[in-house]
């Protein structure tokens, strides 16, 4: 699965992604300024984390 994130403000932002790998879930934190494309496994949830 691919997640596309576009941050339109001038500050870096955190993005918390929880995804599953077979029988377990993992967490990933991305710091984004501008835009970013993330390749991950099955997405469980995505949350914005505010300023980085």
C-alpha atoms as a PDB file:
ATOM      1  CA  UNK A   1       0.000   0.000   0.000  1.00  0.00           C
ATOM      2  CA  UNK A   2       1.190   3.531  -0.703  1.00  0.00           C
ATOM      3  CA  UNK A   3       0.488   6.580   1.477  1.00  0.00           C
ATOM      4  CA  UNK A   4       0.775  10.036  -0.085  1.00  0.00           C
ATOM      5  CA  UNK A   5       1.108  12.975   2.307  1.00  0.00           C
ATOM      6  CA  UNK A   6       1.199  16.631   1.293  1.00  0.00           C
ATOM      7  CA  UNK A   7       2.031  19.263   3.909  1.00  0.00           C
ATOM      8  CA  UNK A   8       1.056  22.733   2.639  1.00  0.00           C
ATOM      9  CA  UNK A   9       2.426  24.755   5.564  1.00  0.00           C
ATOM     10  CA  UNK A  10       6.077  25.751   5.911  1.00  0.00           C
ATOM     11  CA  UNK A  11       6.745  23.711   9.077  1.00  0.00           C
ATOM     12  CA  UNK A  12       7.730  20.074   9.476  1.00  0.00           C
ATOM     13  CA  UNK A  13       4.910  17.823  10.709  1.00  0.00           C
ATOM     14  CA  UNK A  14       4.816  14.351  12.253  1.00  0.00           C
ATOM     15  CA  UNK A  15       2.729  11.587  10.744  1.00  0.00           C
ATOM     16  CA  UNK A  16       2.080   8.408  12.767  1.00  0.00           C
ATOM     17  CA  UNK A  17       1.319   5.301  10.718  1.00  0.00           C
ATOM     18  CA  UNK A  18       0.298   1.972  12.242  1.00  0.00           C
ATOM     19  CA  UNK A  19       0.468  -1.001   9.859  1.00  0.00           C
ATOM     20  CA  UNK A  20       0.166  -4.760  10.085  1.00  0.00           C
ATOM     21  CA  UNK A  21       2.643  -7.411   9.058  1.00  0.00           C
ATOM     22  CA  UNK A  22       0.994 -10.830   9.128  1.00  0.00           C
ATOM     23  CA  UNK A  23       0.111 -11.371  12.795  1.00  0.00           C
ATOM     24  CA  UNK A  24       1.657  -8.230  14.351  1.00  0.00           C
ATOM     25  CA  UNK A  25       1.269  -4.442  14.095  1.00  0.00           C
ATOM     26  CA  UNK A  26       4.140  -1.980  13.768  1.00  0.00           C
ATOM     27  CA  UNK A  27       4.345   1.792  14.186  1.00  0.00           C
ATOM     28  CA  UNK A  28       6.220   4.235  11.963  1.00  0.00           C
ATOM     29  CA  UNK A  29       6.753   7.960  12.485  1.00  0.00           C
ATOM     30  CA  UNK A  30       7.469  10.131   9.458  1.00  0.00           C
ATOM     31  CA  UNK A  31       8.567  13.765   9.650  1.00  0.00           C
ATOM     32  CA  UNK A  32       7.272  15.563   6.573  1.00  0.00           C
ATOM     33  CA  UNK A  33       7.924  18.980   5.087  1.00  0.00           C
ATOM     34  CA  UNK A  34       6.431  19.351   1.642  1.00  0.00           C
ATOM     35  CA  UNK A  35       5.254  15.977   0.350  1.00  0.00           C
ATOM     36  CA  UNK A  36       6.240  12.368   0.835  1.00  0.00           C
ATOM     37  CA  UNK A  37       5.349   8.966  -0.598  1.00  0.00           C
ATOM     38  CA  UNK A  38       5.567   6.016   1.794  1.00  0.00           C
ATOM     39  CA  UNK A  39       5.499   2.338   0.798  1.00  0.00           C
ATOM     40  CA  UNK A  40       4.077   0.219   3.630  1.00  0.00           C
ATOM     41  CA  UNK A  41       2.202  -2.996   4.310  1.00  0.00           C
ATOM     42  CA  UNK A  42      -1.504  -3.008   5.260  1.00  0.00           C
ATOM     43  CA  UNK A  43      -2.442   0.283   6.925  1.00  0.00           C
ATOM     44  CA  UNK A  44      -4.294   0.083  10.257  1.00  0.00           C
ATOM     45  CA  UNK A  45      -4.405   3.806  11.088  1.00  0.00           C
ATOM     46  CA  UNK A  46      -2.864   7.189  10.230  1.00  0.00           C
ATOM     47  CA  UNK A  47      -2.750  10.153  12.626  1.00  0.00           C
ATOM     48  CA  UNK A  48      -1.274  13.632  12.390  1.00  0.00           C
ATOM     49  CA  UNK A  49       1.116  14.427  15.212  1.00  0.00           C
ATOM     50  CA  UNK A  50       1.468  18.200  14.963  1.00  0.00           C
ATOM     51  CA  UNK A  51       4.742  20.066  14.661  1.00  0.00           C
ATOM     52  CA  UNK A  52       7.964  18.105  14.554  1.00  0.00           C
END
